[in-house]
Structure formats: structure tokens, C-alpha cells
Amino acid sequence: MNKLIIGLTMSIFACVVYAEDIPIVGNVQSKCVIIADTQGVYGNSTPSNLSTDGADGGVRPVVRYDVLQADAYKAIISHPNSFTESPPLDDVVNWEGSTSVSQTSDTQMSAYDTNKIEYNNSTEYDLTVAGSTWFSISSEADYGFNKAFPGGTYRAVVEAECIAK
């Protein structure tokens, strides 16, 4: 009888199959850090123009990219093409802007401006050297045809991205 009970018990356990999914988790930290170095300011040298140019009383925003791994990332910096805050405007605002390298931690980064790709309101840089690069962004907004901007606060945003290749 004991042999029969042991045999039945063994056959029950032999038919049961257990499976378990075991997760694997990993966290990746980017080796590219973006830091807002200088906040931009619009100057208003003429009633119909807002500009970050120093000659117009403005300050160009500067963004710093710290890259820890060479040739693994690209930077895409977009100058503004609209206001995020402004008084009501009833005419067209024409936007211009550009991005350029203003300082580097390595002389090999001097080719970044030569090799940049510009499209729409964006500038793309291939970050081929590890280290820090400062990018200066210009922004200019012209209102209507010789039309004065209404009084008030005007804000726009520079978008800076670091994208893994």
C-alpha cells in the first residue's frame, strides 16, 4: 500500500511542470549632459524688432554639452520660431536665428561649426570628441511691416537635445 501511495505521489509530481519568468532590468545613464549656461535676453533696439544680439541690447543664450563618450551622440539645437508668452499679436512675426560653437574644451572640436547641418530652425552637430562644448544661439523676431511690438513680456525657448547615435 505504501508503494502504491508513493508511486501515485511520484507520478503526480512528475506530470506537474513549473516555469518562472525572471526579469532582467538595466538602467542606462546618458553620457551626454546638457546644461543651460547663460539665459538669453531679447533687446529691443527698434520698435519692430526683438534680438539677442548684444548690439541691440540683447544677450545670446548659451548651452553647454558635456560628452563623456566620443562619437556616440549628436546635438540638435533649435532656435525659437514662436513665442511661448507674449501680448496678443495681430500680425505676422518673422523669425531668424542661428547656432554656433562659442567655446570648447578640446581643439579637435573646432570642426563642429564647419560640419554642422542646418535645417528649418535647427542645427545638428555630430559630437565626435569627448569633452565640453558651449553653443551660442542667436534669435531675432521682426513684427509685421514696420509695426511696433505691443508692450509686455516676450518669452521664447531654445530647444537643446542630445540624441544617441
Protein backbone atom coordinates (compact mmCIF):
# COMPACT_ATOMS: atom_id res chain seq x y z
CA MET A 1 0.00 0.00 0.00
CA ASN A 2 2.86 2.35 0.85
CA LYS A 3 4.43 1.57 -2.51
CA LEU A 4 1.16 2.42 -4.27
CA ILE A 5 0.81 5.75 -2.43
CA ILE A 6 4.46 6.65 -3.11
CA GLY A 7 4.04 5.68 -6.76
CA LEU A 8 0.91 7.81 -7.19
CA THR A 9 2.53 10.75 -5.43
CA MET A 10 5.62 10.50 -7.64
CA SER A 11 3.52 10.32 -10.81
CA ILE A 12 1.55 13.43 -9.80
CA PHE A 13 4.77 15.42 -9.22
CA ALA A 14 6.32 14.04 -12.41
CA CYS A 15 3.44 15.45 -14.51
CA VAL A 16 3.48 18.92 -12.98
CA VAL A 17 5.81 21.36 -14.75
CA TYR A 18 6.71 24.65 -13.14
CA ALA A 19 8.02 27.68 -15.07
CA GLU A 20 9.08 31.08 -13.90
CA ASP A 21 9.84 34.28 -15.82
CA ILE A 22 12.81 36.07 -14.34
CA PRO A 23 13.11 39.73 -15.33
CA ILE A 24 16.38 41.42 -16.15
CA VAL A 25 16.48 45.17 -15.56
CA GLY A 26 19.13 47.67 -16.54
CA ASN A 27 19.38 51.42 -16.18
CA VAL A 28 21.31 53.40 -18.76
CA GLN A 29 22.57 56.83 -17.85
CA SER A 30 23.33 59.12 -20.75
CA LYS A 31 26.95 60.04 -21.26
CA CYS A 32 25.76 63.39 -22.62
CA VAL A 33 24.66 66.16 -20.27
CA ILE A 34 23.04 69.45 -21.35
CA ILE A 35 23.44 72.49 -19.11
CA ALA A 36 21.90 75.94 -19.63
CA ASP A 37 24.94 78.17 -19.18
CA THR A 38 23.55 81.64 -19.99
CA GLN A 39 19.94 82.71 -20.16
CA GLY A 40 19.04 84.73 -23.23
CA VAL A 41 17.55 88.22 -23.19
CA TYR A 42 15.75 89.99 -26.02
CA GLY A 43 16.88 93.54 -26.69
CA ASN A 44 14.50 95.95 -28.40
CA SER A 45 16.62 98.44 -30.35
CA THR A 46 13.80 99.25 -32.77
CA PRO A 47 10.04 99.05 -32.08
CA SER A 48 9.51 96.21 -34.59
CA ASN A 49 12.50 94.05 -33.65
CA LEU A 50 13.47 91.78 -30.75
CA SER A 51 17.01 90.40 -30.87
CA THR A 52 19.50 88.54 -28.69
CA ASP A 53 22.35 90.41 -30.40
CA GLY A 54 24.47 92.43 -27.98
CA ALA A 55 24.41 95.44 -30.32
CA ASP A 56 20.61 95.51 -29.88
CA GLY A 57 20.83 95.26 -26.09
CA GLY A 58 20.21 91.52 -26.04
CA VAL A 59 22.09 88.56 -24.60
CA ARG A 60 22.57 85.34 -26.54
CA PRO A 61 21.65 82.18 -24.67
CA VAL A 62 24.49 79.67 -24.27
CA VAL A 63 24.08 75.94 -23.74
CA ARG A 64 26.88 73.57 -22.72
CA TYR A 65 27.09 69.93 -23.76
CA ASP A 66 29.30 67.65 -21.66
CA VAL A 67 30.03 64.46 -23.59
CA LEU A 68 31.75 61.60 -21.77
CA GLN A 69 31.90 59.21 -24.73
CA ALA A 70 33.17 60.38 -28.11
CA ASP A 71 31.20 59.75 -31.31
CA ALA A 72 28.14 58.35 -29.52
CA TYR A 73 25.83 61.39 -29.60
CA LYS A 74 24.61 64.22 -31.76
CA ALA A 75 23.36 67.60 -30.57
CA ILE A 76 20.29 69.21 -32.09
CA ILE A 77 19.71 72.82 -31.09
CA SER A 78 16.62 74.66 -32.29
CA HIS A 79 16.33 78.43 -32.10
CA PRO A 80 12.83 79.82 -31.44
CA ASN A 81 10.24 80.16 -34.18
CA SER A 82 7.40 81.31 -31.90
CA PHE A 83 6.83 82.96 -28.55
CA THR A 84 5.83 80.86 -25.57
CA GLU A 85 4.49 84.03 -23.96
CA SER A 86 3.64 87.41 -25.47
CA PRO A 87 0.90 90.02 -25.55
CA PRO A 88 -1.75 89.39 -28.23
CA LEU A 89 -0.22 89.90 -31.69
CA ASP A 90 -2.38 90.62 -34.73
CA ASP A 91 0.33 90.45 -37.39
CA VAL A 92 3.00 88.05 -38.60
CA VAL A 93 6.28 87.58 -36.70
CA ASN A 94 9.25 86.71 -38.92
CA TRP A 95 11.92 84.65 -37.16
CA GLU A 96 15.63 84.26 -37.81
CA GLY A 97 18.31 82.58 -35.77
CA SER A 98 21.48 80.57 -35.79
CA THR A 99 23.68 78.42 -33.58
CA SER A 100 27.46 78.43 -33.40
CA VAL A 101 30.22 76.99 -31.23
CA SER A 102 31.44 79.65 -28.82
CA GLN A 103 33.93 77.67 -26.70
CA THR A 104 35.36 74.14 -26.49
CA SER A 105 37.43 72.07 -24.09
CA ASP A 106 39.35 70.40 -26.93
CA THR A 107 40.84 71.95 -30.08
CA GLN A 108 39.57 68.99 -32.16
CA MET A 109 36.04 70.33 -31.65
CA SER A 110 36.85 73.31 -33.89
CA ALA A 111 35.43 71.36 -36.86
CA TYR A 112 31.95 71.24 -35.30
CA ASP A 113 30.84 74.54 -36.91
CA THR A 114 32.30 73.52 -40.27
CA ASN A 115 30.48 70.19 -40.26
CA LYS A 116 27.14 71.31 -38.79
CA ILE A 117 23.87 70.60 -40.59
CA GLU A 118 21.21 73.33 -40.64
CA TYR A 119 17.55 72.80 -41.48
CA ASN A 120 14.35 74.67 -40.62
CA ASN A 121 15.16 76.33 -37.27
CA SER A 122 17.53 73.54 -36.13
CA THR A 123 21.27 72.97 -36.18
CA GLU A 124 22.71 69.48 -35.82
CA TYR A 125 26.22 68.71 -34.59
CA ASP A 126 27.98 65.35 -34.59
CA LEU A 127 29.69 65.22 -31.17
CA THR A 128 32.78 63.27 -32.19
CA VAL A 129 35.08 64.31 -29.33
CA ALA A 130 34.63 63.75 -25.59
CA GLY A 131 34.60 66.95 -23.55
CA SER A 132 32.60 70.18 -23.18
CA THR A 133 31.25 72.37 -25.95
CA TRP A 134 29.44 75.69 -25.49
CA PHE A 135 26.94 76.69 -28.17
CA SER A 136 25.70 80.28 -28.60
CA ILE A 137 22.25 80.78 -30.07
CA SER A 138 21.00 83.93 -31.79
CA SER A 139 17.32 84.73 -32.15
CA GLU A 140 15.60 87.62 -33.87
CA ALA A 141 11.90 88.38 -34.26
CA ASP A 142 10.60 91.06 -36.65
CA TYR A 143 6.99 92.13 -36.31
CA GLY A 144 4.80 92.95 -39.29
CA PHE A 145 5.92 95.64 -41.71
CA ASN A 146 7.38 98.49 -39.64
CA LYS A 147 4.89 97.66 -36.90
CA ALA A 148 5.79 98.12 -33.23
CA PHE A 149 5.64 95.21 -30.83
CA PRO A 150 2.99 95.87 -28.14
CA GLY A 151 4.37 96.43 -24.63
CA GLY A 152 4.64 93.36 -22.42
CA THR A 153 6.74 90.31 -21.67
CA TYR A 154 8.01 88.17 -24.53
CA ARG A 155 9.41 84.69 -23.95
CA ALA A 156 10.74 82.11 -26.36
CA VAL A 157 12.56 78.83 -25.83
CA VAL A 158 15.69 77.29 -27.29
CA GLU A 159 15.35 73.52 -27.51
CA ALA A 160 18.56 71.55 -26.92
CA GLU A 161 18.61 67.79 -27.41
CA CYS A 162 21.30 65.15 -27.12
CA ILE A 163 20.47 62.07 -29.17
CA ALA A 164 22.30 58.75 -29.04
CA LYS A 165 23.56 57.63 -32.45
